[in-house]
């Protein structure tokens, strides 16, 4: 398969790129800064320099030509303000979905966030609240697209601990942590599971092997 990942230099994306390349898939990662290319090459991915905050749908669709699947794993990142949460976490997600539809790529997986389905509680840090609202708006936009076989993954609080390969994956899991290793492993399994299309799933650390957890939510 050929998979194109938006936000290709992110900590989850780099892990996913290594997994995909390691099993022989062709993977490309969209990055904003050319100096990030070396890290993608080391992960076995083709670096594609394209700024999703300024690119056109046609620009991005060209990078998605001949792709079997697209993964949106981009984010404005720590230190960014509320405005960039909107332009990246919402706007770039919508652009990437537009481009996938234009390129005829049906399988579309989104890395979202737990808590994106409701209004942030009173007292939430304003920038984090903007992030959750942006993720929620992006998820709603993707779910409204009949032309995409989308799956939205909402991980719990991310950690850099070594993955265990065991998770809890369900429509609602309750709040807990999850390792970036296990998020990447789950994304890999979701890409191979068309039965998870049109599902919004939460993910946290747990006791079920990733492959088994994905089979369960895929209906077999």
C-alpha atoms as a PDB file:
ATOM      1  CA  UNK A   1       0.000   0.000   0.000  1.00  0.00           C
ATOM      2  CA  UNK A   2       0.918   3.645  -0.385  1.00  0.00           C
ATOM      3  CA  UNK A   3      -0.025   5.765   2.618  1.00  0.00           C
ATOM      4  CA  UNK A   4       0.326   9.547   2.878  1.00  0.00           C
ATOM      5  CA  UNK A   5       0.539  11.064   6.352  1.00  0.00           C
ATOM      6  CA  UNK A   6      -0.150  14.734   7.070  1.00  0.00           C
ATOM      7  CA  UNK A   7       2.011  15.961   9.924  1.00  0.00           C
ATOM      8  CA  UNK A   8       4.724  13.519   8.942  1.00  0.00           C
ATOM      9  CA  UNK A   9       7.268  14.767  11.478  1.00  0.00           C
ATOM     10  CA  UNK A  10       5.006  14.345  14.498  1.00  0.00           C
ATOM     11  CA  UNK A  11       5.937  11.898  17.220  1.00  0.00           C
ATOM     12  CA  UNK A  12       3.082   9.545  16.385  1.00  0.00           C
ATOM     13  CA  UNK A  13       3.584   9.938  12.637  1.00  0.00           C
ATOM     14  CA  UNK A  14       7.278   9.036  12.764  1.00  0.00           C
ATOM     15  CA  UNK A  15       6.431   5.886  14.709  1.00  0.00           C
ATOM     16  CA  UNK A  16       3.735   4.963  12.201  1.00  0.00           C
ATOM     17  CA  UNK A  17       6.101   5.600   9.298  1.00  0.00           C
ATOM     18  CA  UNK A  18       8.637   3.175  10.774  1.00  0.00           C
ATOM     19  CA  UNK A  19       5.959   0.518  11.185  1.00  0.00           C
ATOM     20  CA  UNK A  20       4.645   0.959   7.655  1.00  0.00           C
ATOM     21  CA  UNK A  21       8.084   0.998   6.059  1.00  0.00           C
ATOM     22  CA  UNK A  22       9.135  -1.977   8.160  1.00  0.00           C
ATOM     23  CA  UNK A  23       6.432  -4.167   6.660  1.00  0.00           C
ATOM     24  CA  UNK A  24       7.159  -3.002   3.117  1.00  0.00           C
ATOM     25  CA  UNK A  25       4.534  -0.332   2.531  1.00  0.00           C
ATOM     26  CA  UNK A  26       5.303   2.853   0.618  1.00  0.00           C
ATOM     27  CA  UNK A  27       4.824   5.822   2.941  1.00  0.00           C
ATOM     28  CA  UNK A  28       5.105   9.567   2.414  1.00  0.00           C
ATOM     29  CA  UNK A  29       4.988  12.199   5.132  1.00  0.00           C
ATOM     30  CA  UNK A  30       3.868  15.768   4.514  1.00  0.00           C
ATOM     31  CA  UNK A  31       6.062  18.241   6.391  1.00  0.00           C
ATOM     32  CA  UNK A  32       6.210  22.012   6.571  1.00  0.00           C
ATOM     33  CA  UNK A  33       9.953  22.492   7.096  1.00  0.00           C
ATOM     34  CA  UNK A  34      12.570  21.025   4.725  1.00  0.00           C
ATOM     35  CA  UNK A  35      15.023  20.491   7.596  1.00  0.00           C
ATOM     36  CA  UNK A  36      12.702  17.766   8.923  1.00  0.00           C
ATOM     37  CA  UNK A  37      13.261  15.600   5.854  1.00  0.00           C
ATOM     38  CA  UNK A  38      16.189  13.668   7.308  1.00  0.00           C
ATOM     39  CA  UNK A  39      14.102  12.305  10.162  1.00  0.00           C
ATOM     40  CA  UNK A  40      11.501  10.985   7.729  1.00  0.00           C
ATOM     41  CA  UNK A  41      14.135   9.371   5.534  1.00  0.00           C
ATOM     42  CA  UNK A  42      15.570   7.670   8.617  1.00  0.00           C
ATOM     43  CA  UNK A  43      12.069   6.333   9.378  1.00  0.00           C
ATOM     44  CA  UNK A  44      11.780   4.925   5.859  1.00  0.00           C
ATOM     45  CA  UNK A  45       9.356   7.572   4.597  1.00  0.00           C
ATOM     46  CA  UNK A  46       9.421   9.887   1.612  1.00  0.00           C
ATOM     47  CA  UNK A  47       9.436  13.519   2.810  1.00  0.00           C
ATOM     48  CA  UNK A  48       6.987  15.793   1.009  1.00  0.00           C
ATOM     49  CA  UNK A  49       7.357  19.512   1.758  1.00  0.00           C
ATOM     50  CA  UNK A  50       3.947  21.190   1.689  1.00  0.00           C
ATOM     51  CA  UNK A  51       2.478  23.799   4.039  1.00  0.00           C
ATOM     52  CA  UNK A  52      -1.102  22.761   4.732  1.00  0.00           C
ATOM     53  CA  UNK A  53      -1.899  26.237   6.040  1.00  0.00           C
ATOM     54  CA  UNK A  54      -1.261  27.826   2.642  1.00  0.00           C
ATOM     55  CA  UNK A  55      -1.506  25.044   0.037  1.00  0.00           C
ATOM     56  CA  UNK A  56      -4.462  24.621  -2.287  1.00  0.00           C
ATOM     57  CA  UNK A  57      -6.605  21.511  -2.518  1.00  0.00           C
ATOM     58  CA  UNK A  58      -5.069  20.801  -5.931  1.00  0.00           C
ATOM     59  CA  UNK A  59      -1.550  21.086  -4.495  1.00  0.00           C
ATOM     60  CA  UNK A  60      -2.272  18.530  -1.786  1.00  0.00           C
ATOM     61  CA  UNK A  61      -4.281  16.250  -4.078  1.00  0.00           C
ATOM     62  CA  UNK A  62      -1.208  15.857  -6.274  1.00  0.00           C
ATOM     63  CA  UNK A  63       0.692  14.456  -3.302  1.00  0.00           C
ATOM     64  CA  UNK A  64      -2.169  12.026  -2.663  1.00  0.00           C
ATOM     65  CA  UNK A  65      -2.233  10.679  -6.217  1.00  0.00           C
ATOM     66  CA  UNK A  66      -2.132   6.864  -6.254  1.00  0.00           C
ATOM     67  CA  UNK A  67      -2.395   6.657  -2.451  1.00  0.00           C
ATOM     68  CA  UNK A  68      -4.388   3.811  -0.937  1.00  0.00           C
ATOM     69  CA  UNK A  69      -4.972   5.644   2.340  1.00  0.00           C
ATOM     70  CA  UNK A  70      -4.410   8.997   4.021  1.00  0.00           C
ATOM     71  CA  UNK A  71      -3.736   9.697   7.691  1.00  0.00           C
ATOM     72  CA  UNK A  72      -4.211  13.123   9.253  1.00  0.00           C
ATOM     73  CA  UNK A  73      -1.797  13.324  12.171  1.00  0.00           C
ATOM     74  CA  UNK A  74      -0.927  17.023  11.971  1.00  0.00           C
ATOM     75  CA  UNK A  75      -1.290  19.516  14.781  1.00  0.00           C
ATOM     76  CA  UNK A  76      -0.227  23.036  15.611  1.00  0.00           C
ATOM     77  CA  UNK A  77       1.808  21.632  18.473  1.00  0.00           C
ATOM     78  CA  UNK A  78       2.844  22.984  21.878  1.00  0.00           C
ATOM     79  CA  UNK A  79       3.592  26.670  22.084  1.00  0.00           C
ATOM     80  CA  UNK A  80       1.111  27.621  19.375  1.00  0.00           C
ATOM     81  CA  UNK A  81      -1.792  29.912  20.081  1.00  0.00           C
ATOM     82  CA  UNK A  82      -5.523  29.563  19.584  1.00  0.00           C
ATOM     83  CA  UNK A  83      -5.379  30.936  16.025  1.00  0.00           C
ATOM     84  CA  UNK A  84      -3.084  28.161  14.813  1.00  0.00           C
ATOM     85  CA  UNK A  85      -5.182  25.539  16.551  1.00  0.00           C
ATOM     86  CA  UNK A  86      -7.911  26.617  14.160  1.00  0.00           C
ATOM     87  CA  UNK A  87      -5.794  26.890  11.015  1.00  0.00           C
ATOM     88  CA  UNK A  88      -4.001  23.563  11.538  1.00  0.00           C
ATOM     89  CA  UNK A  89      -6.101  21.273  13.731  1.00  0.00           C
ATOM     90  CA  UNK A  90      -9.318  22.277  11.965  1.00  0.00           C
ATOM     91  CA  UNK A  91      -8.440  24.031   8.709  1.00  0.00           C
ATOM     92  CA  UNK A  92      -5.627  21.736   7.571  1.00  0.00           C
ATOM     93  CA  UNK A  93      -7.716  18.673   8.422  1.00  0.00           C
ATOM     94  CA  UNK A  94     -10.535  19.934   6.216  1.00  0.00           C
ATOM     95  CA  UNK A  95      -8.090  20.750   3.415  1.00  0.00           C
ATOM     96  CA  UNK A  96      -6.534  17.288   3.619  1.00  0.00           C
ATOM     97  CA  UNK A  97      -9.972  15.671   3.485  1.00  0.00           C
ATOM     98  CA  UNK A  98     -10.893  17.838   0.471  1.00  0.00           C
ATOM     99  CA  UNK A  99      -7.678  16.733  -1.220  1.00  0.00           C
ATOM    100  CA  UNK A 100      -8.287  13.062  -0.445  1.00  0.00           C
ATOM    101  CA  UNK A 101     -11.718  13.274  -2.041  1.00  0.00           C
ATOM    102  CA  UNK A 102     -10.283  15.099  -5.062  1.00  0.00           C
ATOM    103  CA  UNK A 103      -7.592  12.424  -5.458  1.00  0.00           C
ATOM    104  CA  UNK A 104     -10.045   9.562  -5.047  1.00  0.00           C
ATOM    105  CA  UNK A 105      -8.533   8.301  -1.791  1.00  0.00           C
ATOM    106  CA  UNK A 106     -11.336   6.718   0.216  1.00  0.00           C
ATOM    107  CA  UNK A 107      -9.575   5.361   3.321  1.00  0.00           C
ATOM    108  CA  UNK A 108      -9.015   8.296   5.658  1.00  0.00           C
ATOM    109  CA  UNK A 109      -7.849   7.980   9.267  1.00  0.00           C
ATOM    110  CA  UNK A 110      -7.742  10.933  11.663  1.00  0.00           C
ATOM    111  CA  UNK A 111      -5.771  11.302  14.887  1.00  0.00           C
ATOM    112  CA  UNK A 112      -8.053  13.427  17.048  1.00  0.00           C
ATOM    113  CA  UNK A 113      -8.244  13.919  20.801  1.00  0.00           C
ATOM    114  CA  UNK A 114     -10.313  12.598  23.662  1.00  0.00           C
ATOM    115  CA  UNK A 115     -12.697  15.339  24.776  1.00  0.00           C
ATOM    116  CA  UNK A 116     -13.199  16.729  21.274  1.00  0.00           C
ATOM    117  CA  UNK A 117     -16.856  15.684  21.312  1.00  0.00           C
ATOM    118  CA  UNK A 118     -18.026  18.155  23.949  1.00  0.00           C
ATOM    119  CA  UNK A 119     -17.606  21.738  25.042  1.00  0.00           C
ATOM    120  CA  UNK A 120     -14.510  22.124  27.249  1.00  0.00           C
ATOM    121  CA  UNK A 121     -15.400  22.492  30.922  1.00  0.00           C
ATOM    122  CA  UNK A 122     -15.359  25.902  32.550  1.00  0.00           C
ATOM    123  CA  UNK A 123     -11.857  26.830  33.652  1.00  0.00           C
ATOM    124  CA  UNK A 124     -10.085  24.955  30.826  1.00  0.00           C
ATOM    125  CA  UNK A 125      -6.973  26.742  29.592  1.00  0.00           C
ATOM    126  CA  UNK A 126      -8.185  28.927  26.670  1.00  0.00           C
ATOM    127  CA  UNK A 127      -5.613  27.613  24.191  1.00  0.00           C
ATOM    128  CA  UNK A 128      -6.356  23.992  25.090  1.00  0.00           C
ATOM    129  CA  UNK A 129     -10.064  24.742  24.799  1.00  0.00           C
ATOM    130  CA  UNK A 130      -9.430  26.150  21.319  1.00  0.00           C
ATOM    131  CA  UNK A 131      -7.536  22.960  20.455  1.00  0.00           C
ATOM    132  CA  UNK A 132     -10.416  20.724  21.567  1.00  0.00           C
ATOM    133  CA  UNK A 133     -12.958  22.828  19.673  1.00  0.00           C
ATOM    134  CA  UNK A 134     -10.792  22.723  16.540  1.00  0.00           C
ATOM    135  CA  UNK A 135     -10.444  18.946  16.774  1.00  0.00           C
ATOM    136  CA  UNK A 136     -14.186  18.577  17.325  1.00  0.00           C
ATOM    137  CA  UNK A 137     -14.986  20.766  14.313  1.00  0.00           C
ATOM    138  CA  UNK A 138     -12.530  18.803  12.157  1.00  0.00           C
ATOM    139  CA  UNK A 139     -14.063  15.506  13.243  1.00  0.00           C
ATOM    140  CA  UNK A 140     -17.565  16.755  12.428  1.00  0.00           C
ATOM    141  CA  UNK A 141     -16.397  17.886   8.997  1.00  0.00           C
ATOM    142  CA  UNK A 142     -14.860  14.493   8.227  1.00  0.00           C
ATOM    143  CA  UNK A 143     -17.883  12.550   9.485  1.00  0.00           C
ATOM    144  CA  UNK A 144     -20.129  14.499   7.091  1.00  0.00           C
ATOM    145  CA  UNK A 145     -18.201  13.302   4.018  1.00  0.00           C
ATOM    146  CA  UNK A 146     -19.941  10.488   2.177  1.00  0.00           C
ATOM    147  CA  UNK A 147     -16.938  10.022  -0.120  1.00  0.00           C
ATOM    148  CA  UNK A 148     -14.515   8.961   2.609  1.00  0.00           C
ATOM    149  CA  UNK A 149     -14.235   5.696   4.513  1.00  0.00           C
ATOM    150  CA  UNK A 150     -13.121   7.559   7.606  1.00  0.00           C
ATOM    151  CA  UNK A 151     -12.082   6.381  11.039  1.00  0.00           C
ATOM    152  CA  UNK A 152     -11.461   8.890  13.832  1.00  0.00           C
ATOM    153  CA  UNK A 153      -9.129   7.815  16.625  1.00  0.00           C
ATOM    154  CA  UNK A 154      -9.229   9.783  19.886  1.00  0.00           C
ATOM    155  CA  UNK A 155      -6.306   8.818  22.135  1.00  0.00           C
ATOM    156  CA  UNK A 156      -6.134   9.574  25.826  1.00  0.00           C
ATOM    157  CA  UNK A 157      -3.277  11.540  27.369  1.00  0.00           C
ATOM    158  CA  UNK A 158      -0.177  10.715  25.341  1.00  0.00           C
ATOM    159  CA  UNK A 159       3.040   9.446  26.898  1.00  0.00           C
ATOM    160  CA  UNK A 160       6.448   8.456  25.551  1.00  0.00           C
ATOM    161  CA  UNK A 161       6.605   5.286  27.644  1.00  0.00           C
ATOM    162  CA  UNK A 162       7.468   2.107  25.784  1.00  0.00           C
ATOM    163  CA  UNK A 163       4.375   0.593  24.250  1.00  0.00           C
ATOM    164  CA  UNK A 164       2.958  -2.643  25.586  1.00  0.00           C
ATOM    165  CA  UNK A 165       0.976  -3.640  22.505  1.00  0.00           C
ATOM    166  CA  UNK A 166      -2.129  -3.844  24.692  1.00  0.00           C
ATOM    167  CA  UNK A 167      -4.922  -1.273  24.653  1.00  0.00           C
ATOM    168  CA  UNK A 168      -8.558  -0.532  25.302  1.00  0.00           C
ATOM    169  CA  UNK A 169     -10.313   0.598  22.103  1.00  0.00           C
ATOM    170  CA  UNK A 170     -14.005   1.491  22.139  1.00  0.00           C
ATOM    171  CA  UNK A 171     -16.475   4.261  21.416  1.00  0.00           C
ATOM    172  CA  UNK A 172     -16.015   5.332  25.042  1.00  0.00           C
ATOM    173  CA  UNK A 173     -13.134   4.200  27.238  1.00  0.00           C
ATOM    174  CA  UNK A 174     -12.961   6.710  30.063  1.00  0.00           C
ATOM    175  CA  UNK A 175      -9.999   9.004  30.514  1.00  0.00           C
ATOM    176  CA  UNK A 176      -6.554   7.451  30.878  1.00  0.00           C
ATOM    177  CA  UNK A 177      -3.095   7.502  29.353  1.00  0.00           C
ATOM    178  CA  UNK A 178      -1.880   5.791  26.202  1.00  0.00           C
ATOM    179  CA  UNK A 179       1.625   5.502  24.788  1.00  0.00           C
ATOM    180  CA  UNK A 180       2.488   6.992  21.423  1.00  0.00           C
ATOM    181  CA  UNK A 181       3.916   3.601  20.472  1.00  0.00           C
ATOM    182  CA  UNK A 182       0.527   1.993  21.006  1.00  0.00           C
ATOM    183  CA  UNK A 183      -1.300   4.774  19.153  1.00  0.00           C
ATOM    184  CA  UNK A 184       0.934   4.168  16.127  1.00  0.00           C
ATOM    185  CA  UNK A 185       0.392   0.403  16.339  1.00  0.00           C
ATOM    186  CA  UNK A 186      -3.367   0.946  16.525  1.00  0.00           C
ATOM    187  CA  UNK A 187      -3.323   3.264  13.516  1.00  0.00           C
ATOM    188  CA  UNK A 188      -1.458   0.597  11.562  1.00  0.00           C
ATOM    189  CA  UNK A 189      -4.104  -1.976  12.442  1.00  0.00           C
ATOM    190  CA  UNK A 190      -6.952   0.422  11.643  1.00  0.00           C
ATOM    191  CA  UNK A 191      -5.566   1.034   8.156  1.00  0.00           C
ATOM    192  CA  UNK A 192      -5.943  -2.704   7.528  1.00  0.00           C
ATOM    193  CA  UNK A 193      -9.457  -2.899   8.990  1.00  0.00           C
ATOM    194  CA  UNK A 194     -12.121  -1.531   6.608  1.00  0.00           C
ATOM    195  CA  UNK A 195     -14.747  -2.662   9.102  1.00  0.00           C
ATOM    196  CA  UNK A 196     -13.754   0.279  11.307  1.00  0.00           C
ATOM    197  CA  UNK A 197     -14.878   2.800   8.677  1.00  0.00           C
ATOM    198  CA  UNK A 198     -17.368   5.387   9.933  1.00  0.00           C
ATOM    199  CA  UNK A 199     -16.392   4.765  13.549  1.00  0.00           C
ATOM    200  CA  UNK A 200     -15.156   7.263  16.134  1.00  0.00           C
ATOM    201  CA  UNK A 201     -13.048   5.410  18.697  1.00  0.00           C
ATOM    202  CA  UNK A 202     -11.270   6.252  21.931  1.00  0.00           C
ATOM    203  CA  UNK A 203      -7.965   4.613  22.819  1.00  0.00           C
ATOM    204  CA  UNK A 204      -6.167   4.167  26.138  1.00  0.00           C
ATOM    205  CA  UNK A 205      -3.713   1.720  27.652  1.00  0.00           C
ATOM    206  CA  UNK A 206      -5.363  -1.604  28.412  1.00  0.00           C
ATOM    207  CA  UNK A 207      -5.076  -5.360  28.434  1.00  0.00           C
ATOM    208  CA  UNK A 208      -6.159  -6.383  24.927  1.00  0.00           C
ATOM    209  CA  UNK A 209      -3.598  -6.943  22.163  1.00  0.00           C
ATOM    210  CA  UNK A 210      -3.904  -4.226  19.510  1.00  0.00           C
ATOM    211  CA  UNK A 211      -4.845  -6.568  16.659  1.00  0.00           C
ATOM    212  CA  UNK A 212      -7.536  -8.221  18.783  1.00  0.00           C
ATOM    213  CA  UNK A 213      -8.913  -4.864  19.943  1.00  0.00           C
ATOM    214  CA  UNK A 214      -9.215  -3.634  16.360  1.00  0.00           C
ATOM    215  CA  UNK A 215     -10.840  -6.879  15.189  1.00  0.00           C
ATOM    216  CA  UNK A 216     -13.404  -6.536  17.968  1.00  0.00           C
ATOM    217  CA  UNK A 217     -14.506  -3.055  16.963  1.00  0.00           C
ATOM    218  CA  UNK A 218     -14.433  -4.031  13.259  1.00  0.00           C
ATOM    219  CA  UNK A 219     -16.990  -6.731  13.964  1.00  0.00           C
ATOM    220  CA  UNK A 220     -14.770  -9.756  13.685  1.00  0.00           C
END
